[in-house]
Amino acid sequence: MIARIKAFFNEVKIEGKKVNYPQRAELIGSTWVVIVTVFAMSFYLGGVDFILAKIVNLMIR
């Protein structure tokens, strides 16, 4: 059992060395894309929610 655990962690270590990590500039660029997309989607969904709430409110009255 211990030998299998050691083998597993050795394989994890080997695979970890194969990972291609992004450069700093690429990471910062990708982060900004995610932040802008999240803000855009939140404003869009907030607007749709506000409009639909007003429509439902008018239908209830």
N, C-alpha and C. Protein backbone atom coordinates (compact mmCIF):
# COMPACT_ATOMS: atom_id res chain seq x y z
N MET A 1 0.83 -1.19 0.00
CA MET A 1 0.00 0.00 0.00
C MET A 1 0.88 1.26 0.00
N ILE A 2 1.89 1.28 0.86
CA ILE A 2 2.80 2.43 0.94
C ILE A 2 3.54 2.60 -0.38
N ALA A 3 3.92 1.50 -1.01
CA ALA A 3 4.65 1.56 -2.28
C ALA A 3 3.77 2.19 -3.37
N ARG A 4 2.48 1.88 -3.36
CA ARG A 4 1.57 2.45 -4.35
C ARG A 4 1.40 3.95 -4.13
N ILE A 5 1.36 4.36 -2.87
CA ILE A 5 1.23 5.79 -2.56
C ILE A 5 2.49 6.53 -3.02
N LYS A 6 3.67 5.95 -2.75
CA LYS A 6 4.93 6.56 -3.18
C LYS A 6 4.98 6.66 -4.70
N ALA A 7 4.55 5.60 -5.37
CA ALA A 7 4.54 5.60 -6.84
C ALA A 7 3.60 6.68 -7.37
N PHE A 8 2.45 6.82 -6.73
CA PHE A 8 1.49 7.85 -7.15
C PHE A 8 2.12 9.24 -7.05
N PHE A 9 2.73 9.55 -5.91
CA PHE A 9 3.31 10.87 -5.74
C PHE A 9 4.52 11.09 -6.65
N ASN A 10 5.26 10.06 -6.95
CA ASN A 10 6.35 10.18 -7.92
C ASN A 10 5.80 10.52 -9.30
N GLU A 11 4.71 9.88 -9.69
CA GLU A 11 4.08 10.17 -10.98
C GLU A 11 3.51 11.59 -11.00
N VAL A 12 2.96 12.04 -9.88
CA VAL A 12 2.45 13.41 -9.79
C VAL A 12 3.60 14.40 -9.99
N LYS A 13 4.73 14.12 -9.36
CA LYS A 13 5.91 14.98 -9.48
C LYS A 13 6.39 15.04 -10.93
N ILE A 14 6.43 13.91 -11.60
CA ILE A 14 6.87 13.85 -13.00
C ILE A 14 5.91 14.63 -13.89
N GLU A 15 4.61 14.44 -13.71
CA GLU A 15 3.62 15.16 -14.52
C GLU A 15 3.64 16.65 -14.23
N GLY A 16 3.92 17.03 -12.98
CA GLY A 16 4.00 18.44 -12.62
C GLY A 16 5.12 19.16 -13.36
N LYS A 17 6.19 18.45 -13.65
CA LYS A 17 7.31 19.04 -14.39
C LYS A 17 6.97 19.25 -15.86
N LYS A 18 5.97 18.52 -16.37
CA LYS A 18 5.57 18.65 -17.77
C LYS A 18 4.61 19.81 -18.01
N VAL A 19 4.07 20.37 -16.95
CA VAL A 19 3.07 21.43 -17.08
C VAL A 19 3.71 22.68 -17.67
N ASN A 20 3.02 23.30 -18.62
CA ASN A 20 3.49 24.53 -19.24
C ASN A 20 2.78 25.70 -18.58
N TYR A 21 3.47 26.37 -17.67
CA TYR A 21 2.89 27.49 -16.94
C TYR A 21 2.95 28.75 -17.79
N PRO A 22 1.92 29.62 -17.71
CA PRO A 22 1.93 30.84 -18.53
C PRO A 22 2.95 31.85 -18.00
N GLN A 23 3.40 32.70 -18.92
CA GLN A 23 4.30 33.79 -18.53
C GLN A 23 3.50 34.85 -17.77
N ARG A 24 4.19 35.74 -17.08
CA ARG A 24 3.54 36.75 -16.26
C ARG A 24 2.61 37.64 -17.08
N ALA A 25 3.07 38.09 -18.25
CA ALA A 25 2.25 38.98 -19.09
C ALA A 25 0.98 38.27 -19.57
N GLU A 26 1.11 37.02 -19.95
CA GLU A 26 -0.05 36.25 -20.40
C GLU A 26 -1.05 36.04 -19.26
N LEU A 27 -0.53 35.79 -18.08
CA LEU A 27 -1.39 35.59 -16.91
C LEU A 27 -2.16 36.86 -16.57
N ILE A 28 -1.46 38.00 -16.59
CA ILE A 28 -2.11 39.28 -16.29
C ILE A 28 -3.16 39.60 -17.35
N GLY A 29 -2.84 39.37 -18.63
CA GLY A 29 -3.81 39.61 -19.70
C GLY A 29 -5.05 38.75 -19.55
N SER A 30 -4.86 37.49 -19.25
CA SER A 30 -6.00 36.57 -19.07
C SER A 30 -6.84 36.98 -17.87
N THR A 31 -6.18 37.43 -16.81
CA THR A 31 -6.91 37.85 -15.62
C THR A 31 -7.79 39.06 -15.92
N TRP A 32 -7.26 40.03 -16.69
CA TRP A 32 -8.06 41.20 -17.06
C TRP A 32 -9.25 40.82 -17.93
N VAL A 33 -9.05 39.87 -18.82
CA VAL A 33 -10.17 39.40 -19.66
C VAL A 33 -11.27 38.82 -18.78
N VAL A 34 -10.90 38.03 -17.80
CA VAL A 34 -11.88 37.42 -16.90
C VAL A 34 -12.59 38.50 -16.08
N ILE A 35 -11.86 39.46 -15.54
CA ILE A 35 -12.47 40.51 -14.72
C ILE A 35 -13.45 41.34 -15.54
N VAL A 36 -13.04 41.75 -16.74
CA VAL A 36 -13.92 42.56 -17.60
C VAL A 36 -15.16 41.76 -17.99
N THR A 37 -14.98 40.49 -18.34
CA THR A 37 -16.12 39.65 -18.71
C THR A 37 -17.10 39.48 -17.57
N VAL A 38 -16.58 39.28 -16.36
CA VAL A 38 -17.46 39.12 -15.19
C VAL A 38 -18.25 40.39 -14.94
N PHE A 39 -17.59 41.56 -15.01
CA PHE A 39 -18.31 42.82 -14.80
C PHE A 39 -19.35 43.04 -15.89
N ALA A 40 -19.00 42.79 -17.14
CA ALA A 40 -19.95 42.98 -18.24
C ALA A 40 -21.17 42.08 -18.07
N MET A 41 -20.95 40.82 -17.74
CA MET A 41 -22.06 39.89 -17.57
C MET A 41 -22.90 40.25 -16.36
N SER A 42 -22.28 40.73 -15.29
CA SER A 42 -23.05 41.09 -14.10
C SER A 42 -23.93 42.31 -14.37
N PHE A 43 -23.39 43.31 -15.10
CA PHE A 43 -24.22 44.47 -15.44
C PHE A 43 -25.35 44.07 -16.38
N TYR A 44 -25.05 43.22 -17.36
CA TYR A 44 -26.08 42.77 -18.29
C TYR A 44 -27.18 42.00 -17.55
N LEU A 45 -26.79 41.02 -16.75
CA LEU A 45 -27.79 40.22 -16.04
C LEU A 45 -28.54 41.06 -15.00
N GLY A 46 -27.85 42.01 -14.38
CA GLY A 46 -28.53 42.92 -13.45
C GLY A 46 -29.58 43.76 -14.17
N GLY A 47 -29.24 44.24 -15.36
CA GLY A 47 -30.20 45.01 -16.15
C GLY A 47 -31.40 44.18 -16.58
N VAL A 48 -31.13 42.97 -17.05
CA VAL A 48 -32.23 42.07 -17.45
C VAL A 48 -33.11 41.76 -16.25
N ASP A 49 -32.51 41.50 -15.11
CA ASP A 49 -33.26 41.21 -13.89
C ASP A 49 -34.13 42.41 -13.51
N PHE A 50 -33.56 43.61 -13.59
CA PHE A 50 -34.31 44.81 -13.24
C PHE A 50 -35.51 44.99 -14.17
N ILE A 51 -35.30 44.83 -15.47
CA ILE A 51 -36.38 44.99 -16.45
C ILE A 51 -37.46 43.93 -16.24
N LEU A 52 -37.07 42.69 -16.05
CA LEU A 52 -38.06 41.63 -15.84
C LEU A 52 -38.82 41.82 -14.54
N ALA A 53 -38.14 42.32 -13.51
CA ALA A 53 -38.83 42.60 -12.24
C ALA A 53 -39.88 43.69 -12.42
N LYS A 54 -39.55 44.71 -13.20
CA LYS A 54 -40.53 45.78 -13.47
C LYS A 54 -41.71 45.24 -14.26
N ILE A 55 -41.47 44.39 -15.24
CA ILE A 55 -42.55 43.82 -16.05
C ILE A 55 -43.45 42.96 -15.17
N VAL A 56 -42.86 42.12 -14.33
CA VAL A 56 -43.68 41.28 -13.44
C VAL A 56 -44.45 42.13 -12.46
N ASN A 57 -43.84 43.19 -11.97
CA ASN A 57 -44.52 44.10 -11.04
C ASN A 57 -45.73 44.76 -11.71
N LEU A 58 -45.58 45.16 -12.97
CA LEU A 58 -46.70 45.76 -13.70
C LEU A 58 -47.82 44.75 -13.96
N MET A 59 -47.45 43.49 -14.20
CA MET A 59 -48.44 42.45 -14.46
C MET A 59 -49.22 42.09 -13.19
N ILE A 60 -48.56 42.18 -12.03
CA ILE A 60 -49.23 41.84 -10.77
C ILE A 60 -50.24 42.89 -10.39
N ARG A 61 -49.93 44.15 -10.62
CA ARG A 61 -50.83 45.25 -10.22
C ARG A 61 -52.07 45.29 -11.00
